[in-house]
């Protein structure tokens, strides 16, 4: 390369002497800033070889101070930011506010979707169907009782018939007729604490206990029975479904009240502690204390009549 077109010497800037900020160009004031650039070698006046060789750092510094007295950072300080209009100012804030609301709404909906249990809706739907079906069954049983009572009234108003009297006796024995008379009431409830914690543990009353007591009442000569107001007939079952005890299809809870119609003195004596000492001791060890009370008048509703799908005459 020819010496005439050689670039002027360049010196690196120390890290401590670097500018604290870069030159700003995004401003309308850029047009007022003086231009600094490296002069074109072709257009610059030619200097002699002796002058180029004699130039040193001191002369270059003097040249900069004479021809370029203003610092570049001072020139940049003269730049000013473009002012924003009021529409742009408030429009930007409104858009940001709406975006934040949309993001928050979507986030809340997403969190609720993650926390939702799809099986909960199914359980709620099944629970509603079960409640509706149970209410319908109760209404049907109520209608059956009313129709049975009406049939009994119509039967008694007509001419006495041996066949009708036999049917009435069978209905009375089967518990299909409402009855009223003297009897006793036995009340027992689930224990709070066992009386003898060393030899027995706390337990609740089960369906087997109610079945046993019902059998003892029949053995004592009871003519009609009811548990918590639910008549016990020939087709009535006492069983456990889950954690509940069912008398027929009706759930019952503690305390259990067993009502029996018959000779109240005979029933009270047979179901008393003296006659059933071992049974009462077993109950007492578990924290269960049966209470027997006599009554001059007890009314029991008729039991729900079952539907016979198959029957055969006994020869």
Protein backbone atom coordinates (compact mmCIF):
# COMPACT_ATOMS: atom_id res chain seq x y z
CA UNK A 1 0.00 0.00 0.00
CA UNK A 2 1.28 3.50 -0.80
CA UNK A 3 2.43 5.61 2.14
CA UNK A 4 0.14 8.44 1.03
CA UNK A 5 -2.95 6.34 1.77
CA UNK A 6 -1.85 4.98 5.12
CA UNK A 7 -4.42 5.40 7.96
CA UNK A 8 -3.45 7.63 10.89
CA UNK A 9 -2.30 5.84 13.99
CA UNK A 10 -5.02 4.62 16.41
CA UNK A 11 -4.56 4.15 20.13
CA UNK A 12 -6.77 1.85 22.25
CA UNK A 13 -8.79 3.37 25.07
CA UNK A 14 -8.19 2.16 28.61
CA UNK A 15 -11.02 0.52 30.51
CA UNK A 16 -11.00 3.34 33.07
CA UNK A 17 -11.31 6.00 30.35
CA UNK A 18 -14.30 4.48 28.51
CA UNK A 19 -17.45 6.60 28.16
CA UNK A 20 -20.08 5.93 30.85
CA UNK A 21 -22.83 5.71 28.23
CA UNK A 22 -23.16 5.30 24.51
CA UNK A 23 -24.14 8.03 22.20
CA UNK A 24 -27.91 8.43 21.87
CA UNK A 25 -29.33 8.53 18.34
CA UNK A 26 -33.08 8.01 18.95
CA UNK A 27 -33.86 11.72 19.24
CA UNK A 28 -34.85 14.54 16.98
CA UNK A 29 -31.89 16.48 18.36
CA UNK A 30 -29.51 14.24 16.45
CA UNK A 31 -29.59 16.76 13.63
CA UNK A 32 -28.06 19.40 15.89
CA UNK A 33 -25.08 17.25 16.83
CA UNK A 34 -21.80 17.96 15.16
CA UNK A 35 -20.55 15.19 12.96
CA UNK A 36 -17.37 13.37 13.86
CA UNK A 37 -15.84 10.99 11.42
CA UNK A 38 -12.53 9.93 10.02
CA UNK A 39 -11.65 12.16 7.05
CA UNK A 40 -11.34 10.54 3.68
CA UNK A 41 -7.72 10.13 2.73
CA UNK A 42 -8.45 10.87 -0.90
CA UNK A 43 -10.14 14.22 -0.15
CA UNK A 44 -7.84 15.30 2.65
CA UNK A 45 -4.99 17.69 1.74
CA UNK A 46 -1.82 15.92 1.03
CA UNK A 47 0.89 16.20 3.52
CA UNK A 48 4.49 15.68 2.94
CA UNK A 49 6.33 12.63 4.06
CA UNK A 50 8.34 14.76 6.44
CA UNK A 51 5.23 16.18 8.11
CA UNK A 52 3.63 12.73 8.57
CA UNK A 53 6.78 11.34 10.07
CA UNK A 54 7.14 14.30 12.39
CA UNK A 55 3.60 14.04 13.76
CA UNK A 56 3.49 12.59 17.23
CA UNK A 57 1.07 12.20 20.04
CA UNK A 58 1.53 15.70 21.40
CA UNK A 59 0.75 17.33 18.08
CA UNK A 60 -2.32 15.14 17.64
CA UNK A 61 -3.57 16.16 21.08
CA UNK A 62 -3.05 19.84 20.27
CA UNK A 63 -4.89 19.36 17.01
CA UNK A 64 -7.86 17.78 18.82
CA UNK A 65 -8.00 20.58 21.39
CA UNK A 66 -7.86 23.26 18.68
CA UNK A 67 -10.20 21.84 16.07
CA UNK A 68 -12.54 19.71 18.27
CA UNK A 69 -12.85 21.43 21.64
CA UNK A 70 -16.31 19.95 22.53
CA UNK A 71 -16.41 16.52 24.11
CA UNK A 72 -18.65 13.93 22.47
CA UNK A 73 -20.52 13.24 25.72
CA UNK A 74 -21.29 16.94 26.08
CA UNK A 75 -22.74 16.95 22.60
CA UNK A 76 -24.84 13.89 23.46
CA UNK A 77 -26.14 15.71 26.53
CA UNK A 78 -27.71 18.26 24.23
CA UNK A 79 -29.98 15.56 22.85
CA UNK A 80 -33.53 15.51 24.19
CA UNK A 81 -36.15 12.77 24.25
CA UNK A 82 -39.13 13.02 21.97
CA UNK A 83 -42.16 14.15 24.06
CA UNK A 84 -45.14 11.76 24.11
CA UNK A 85 -48.65 12.96 23.49
CA UNK A 86 -51.36 12.58 26.13
CA UNK A 87 -53.21 10.02 23.98
CA UNK A 88 -50.09 7.88 23.69
CA UNK A 89 -49.38 8.22 27.41
CA UNK A 90 -52.81 7.11 28.63
CA UNK A 91 -53.39 4.69 25.77
CA UNK A 92 -50.26 2.73 26.69
CA UNK A 93 -51.33 2.47 30.32
CA UNK A 94 -54.88 1.37 29.44
CA UNK A 95 -53.58 -1.34 27.12
CA UNK A 96 -51.16 -2.60 29.79
CA UNK A 97 -53.97 -2.60 32.37
CA UNK A 98 -56.28 -4.61 30.10
CA UNK A 99 -53.51 -7.09 29.33
CA UNK A 100 -52.86 -7.59 33.07
CA UNK A 101 -56.57 -8.21 33.71
CA UNK A 102 -56.73 -10.75 30.87
CA UNK A 103 -53.64 -12.57 32.13
CA UNK A 104 -55.02 -12.66 35.69
CA UNK A 105 -58.41 -13.97 34.54
CA UNK A 106 -56.82 -16.72 32.43
CA UNK A 107 -54.50 -17.67 35.30
CA UNK A 108 -57.41 -17.93 37.78
CA UNK A 109 -59.44 -20.03 35.34
CA UNK A 110 -56.47 -22.33 34.78
CA UNK A 111 -55.87 -22.76 38.54
CA UNK A 112 -59.57 -23.53 39.14
CA UNK A 113 -59.48 -26.07 36.34
CA UNK A 114 -56.48 -27.79 37.91
CA UNK A 115 -58.10 -27.85 41.35
CA UNK A 116 -61.50 -29.05 40.14
CA UNK A 117 -62.38 -32.72 40.61
CA UNK A 118 -64.35 -34.12 37.65
CA UNK A 119 -65.62 -36.97 39.81
CA UNK A 120 -67.25 -34.52 42.22
CA UNK A 121 -69.94 -33.62 39.70
CA UNK A 122 -70.67 -37.31 39.15
CA UNK A 123 -70.99 -37.91 42.89
CA UNK A 124 -73.28 -34.91 43.29
CA UNK A 125 -75.46 -36.11 40.41
CA UNK A 126 -75.69 -39.62 41.84
CA UNK A 127 -76.48 -38.23 45.29
CA UNK A 128 -79.34 -36.18 43.86
CA UNK A 129 -80.70 -39.19 41.99
CA UNK A 130 -80.52 -41.29 45.16
CA UNK A 131 -82.35 -38.63 47.19
CA UNK A 132 -85.04 -38.36 44.53
CA UNK A 133 -85.47 -42.13 44.35
CA UNK A 134 -85.62 -42.44 48.14
CA UNK A 135 -88.30 -39.74 48.36
CA UNK A 136 -90.29 -41.49 45.61
CA UNK A 137 -90.09 -44.82 47.46
CA UNK A 138 -91.23 -43.18 50.69
CA UNK A 139 -94.20 -41.64 48.89
CA UNK A 140 -95.15 -45.01 47.41
CA UNK A 141 -94.95 -46.70 50.82
CA UNK A 142 -97.14 -43.96 52.28
CA UNK A 143 -99.69 -44.52 49.50
CA UNK A 144 -99.63 -48.26 50.14
CA UNK A 145 -100.35 -47.75 53.83
CA UNK A 146 -103.25 -45.43 53.06
CA UNK A 147 -104.74 -47.85 50.54
CA UNK A 148 -104.33 -50.76 52.94
CA UNK A 149 -106.12 -48.82 55.68
CA UNK A 150 -108.91 -47.96 53.25
CA UNK A 151 -109.26 -51.61 52.26
CA UNK A 152 -109.47 -52.66 55.89
CA UNK A 153 -112.22 -50.14 56.56
CA UNK A 154 -114.21 -51.29 53.54
CA UNK A 155 -113.79 -54.91 54.59
CA UNK A 156 -115.12 -54.31 58.10
CA UNK A 157 -118.16 -52.41 56.87
CA UNK A 158 -119.52 -55.32 54.82
CA UNK A 159 -121.15 -58.55 55.89
CA UNK A 160 -118.90 -60.67 58.13
CA UNK A 161 -117.16 -63.33 56.10
CA UNK A 162 -115.03 -66.16 57.55
CA UNK A 163 -112.57 -65.75 54.71
CA UNK A 164 -112.20 -62.02 55.38
CA UNK A 165 -111.70 -62.66 59.10
CA UNK A 166 -108.98 -65.19 58.29
CA UNK A 167 -107.23 -62.68 56.04
CA UNK A 168 -107.39 -60.04 58.75
CA UNK A 169 -105.86 -62.41 61.29
CA UNK A 170 -103.08 -63.27 58.86
CA UNK A 171 -102.45 -59.58 58.16
CA UNK A 172 -102.33 -58.91 61.89
CA UNK A 173 -99.78 -61.68 62.38
CA UNK A 174 -97.76 -60.48 59.38
CA UNK A 175 -97.73 -56.91 60.66
CA UNK A 176 -99.71 -55.51 57.72
CA UNK A 177 -102.31 -53.89 60.00
CA UNK A 178 -101.83 -50.96 62.35
CA UNK A 179 -102.33 -52.00 65.98
CA UNK A 180 -102.62 -50.31 69.35
CA UNK A 181 -102.42 -51.69 72.86
CA UNK A 182 -100.35 -52.03 76.04
CA UNK A 183 -96.74 -53.13 75.93
CA UNK A 184 -93.15 -52.22 76.78
CA UNK A 185 -90.40 -50.13 75.25
CA UNK A 186 -86.70 -51.06 75.40
CA UNK A 187 -84.23 -48.28 74.72
CA UNK A 188 -80.51 -48.80 74.17
CA UNK A 189 -77.83 -46.61 72.57
CA UNK A 190 -74.23 -46.82 71.46
CA UNK A 191 -71.77 -46.60 74.39
CA UNK A 192 -69.65 -43.57 75.21
CA UNK A 193 -67.12 -45.52 77.26
CA UNK A 194 -66.75 -49.10 78.32
CA UNK A 195 -67.57 -49.92 81.93
CA UNK A 196 -64.73 -52.43 82.19
CA UNK A 197 -61.80 -51.34 80.06
CA UNK A 198 -59.64 -54.26 81.20
CA UNK A 199 -61.83 -57.09 79.88
CA UNK A 200 -63.85 -55.52 77.06
CA UNK A 201 -63.58 -52.89 74.40
CA UNK A 202 -66.01 -50.27 73.27
CA UNK A 203 -68.31 -51.40 70.48
CA UNK A 204 -71.48 -50.11 68.88
CA UNK A 205 -74.82 -51.85 68.58
CA UNK A 206 -74.96 -54.02 65.49
CA UNK A 207 -77.72 -55.56 63.42
CA UNK A 208 -77.04 -58.89 65.14
CA UNK A 209 -77.90 -57.34 68.51
CA UNK A 210 -81.21 -56.04 67.17
CA UNK A 211 -81.96 -59.40 65.56
CA UNK A 212 -81.29 -61.17 68.86
CA UNK A 213 -83.50 -58.79 70.84
CA UNK A 214 -86.28 -59.10 68.25
CA UNK A 215 -86.20 -62.89 68.53
CA UNK A 216 -86.37 -62.63 72.32
CA UNK A 217 -89.41 -60.32 72.08
CA UNK A 218 -91.21 -62.80 69.84
CA UNK A 219 -90.27 -65.56 72.26
CA UNK A 220 -91.68 -63.52 75.15
CA UNK A 221 -95.08 -63.40 73.45
CA UNK A 222 -95.05 -60.02 71.69
CA UNK A 223 -97.89 -59.58 69.22
CA UNK A 224 -96.35 -56.66 67.29
CA UNK A 225 -92.89 -55.09 67.11
CA UNK A 226 -91.37 -51.88 65.82
CA UNK A 227 -87.82 -50.50 65.83
CA UNK A 228 -87.60 -46.70 65.85
CA UNK A 229 -91.15 -46.55 64.53
CA UNK A 230 -90.56 -49.07 61.71
CA UNK A 231 -92.93 -52.03 61.98
CA UNK A 232 -91.30 -55.45 61.90
CA UNK A 233 -93.28 -57.89 59.74
CA UNK A 234 -92.73 -61.33 58.29
CA UNK A 235 -90.94 -59.83 55.27
CA UNK A 236 -88.98 -57.21 57.24
CA UNK A 237 -85.22 -57.71 57.38
CA UNK A 238 -82.74 -56.27 59.86
CA UNK A 239 -79.35 -55.92 58.24
CA UNK A 240 -76.32 -53.69 57.83
CA UNK A 241 -75.67 -51.66 54.70
CA UNK A 242 -72.30 -49.95 54.88
CA UNK A 243 -72.17 -48.23 58.26
CA UNK A 244 -75.94 -48.04 58.80
CA UNK A 245 -78.50 -50.51 60.09
CA UNK A 246 -81.58 -50.97 57.93
CA UNK A 247 -84.99 -52.10 59.13
CA UNK A 248 -86.51 -53.14 55.87
CA UNK A 249 -85.29 -50.34 53.62
CA UNK A 250 -85.28 -47.60 56.27
CA UNK A 251 -82.02 -46.69 58.02
CA UNK A 252 -82.13 -46.38 61.82
CA UNK A 253 -79.68 -44.74 64.20
CA UNK A 254 -78.80 -44.81 67.87
CA UNK A 255 -80.61 -44.63 70.26
CA UNK A 256 -82.63 -47.66 69.26
CA UNK A 257 -86.18 -47.89 70.64
CA UNK A 258 -87.84 -51.30 70.37
CA UNK A 259 -91.59 -51.20 71.02
CA UNK A 260 -93.57 -54.39 71.64
CA UNK A 261 -97.34 -54.79 72.11
CA UNK A 262 -98.61 -57.58 74.35
CA UNK A 263 -98.88 -58.42 78.04
CA UNK A 264 -96.70 -55.66 79.45
CA UNK A 265 -95.99 -57.46 82.74
CA UNK A 266 -95.01 -60.71 81.05
CA UNK A 267 -92.90 -58.91 78.47
CA UNK A 268 -91.14 -56.77 81.10
CA UNK A 269 -90.40 -59.83 83.23
CA UNK A 270 -89.04 -61.87 80.33
CA UNK A 271 -86.93 -59.01 78.91
CA UNK A 272 -85.70 -57.91 82.38
CA UNK A 273 -82.17 -58.20 83.71
CA UNK A 274 -83.01 -61.09 86.03
CA UNK A 275 -84.12 -63.35 83.21
CA UNK A 276 -81.40 -62.27 80.74
CA UNK A 277 -78.47 -61.83 83.13
CA UNK A 278 -75.73 -62.96 80.71
CA UNK A 279 -77.02 -60.73 77.93
CA UNK A 280 -77.18 -57.69 80.20
CA UNK A 281 -73.65 -58.42 81.53
CA UNK A 282 -72.33 -58.58 77.98
CA UNK A 283 -73.98 -55.27 77.16
CA UNK A 284 -72.74 -53.68 80.38
CA UNK A 285 -69.12 -54.68 79.68
CA UNK A 286 -69.39 -52.92 76.35
CA UNK A 287 -70.94 -49.78 77.84
CA UNK A 288 -74.50 -50.55 76.68
CA UNK A 289 -77.30 -50.21 79.25
CA UNK A 290 -80.78 -51.32 78.06
CA UNK A 291 -83.74 -49.59 79.72
CA UNK A 292 -87.18 -51.25 79.81
CA UNK A 293 -90.31 -49.17 80.40
CA UNK A 294 -93.95 -50.27 80.56
CA UNK A 295 -96.70 -48.43 78.70
CA UNK A 296 -100.49 -48.68 78.79
CA UNK A 297 -100.97 -47.69 75.18
CA UNK A 298 -98.60 -48.06 72.22
CA UNK A 299 -99.60 -47.52 68.61
CA UNK A 300 -97.66 -49.16 65.78
CA UNK A 301 -98.20 -48.44 62.11
CA UNK A 302 -98.55 -51.21 59.57
CA UNK A 303 -95.46 -52.62 57.90
CA UNK A 304 -94.86 -52.16 54.20
CA UNK A 305 -96.45 -54.98 52.26
CA UNK A 306 -94.01 -56.91 50.16
CA UNK A 307 -94.68 -58.07 46.63
CA UNK A 308 -94.96 -61.84 46.24
CA UNK A 309 -93.67 -63.00 42.90
CA UNK A 310 -93.95 -66.73 43.51
CA UNK A 311 -96.23 -68.70 45.82
CA UNK A 312 -97.21 -72.34 46.15
CA UNK A 313 -100.13 -73.82 48.02
CA UNK A 314 -99.13 -76.04 50.93
CA UNK A 315 -100.79 -79.44 50.50
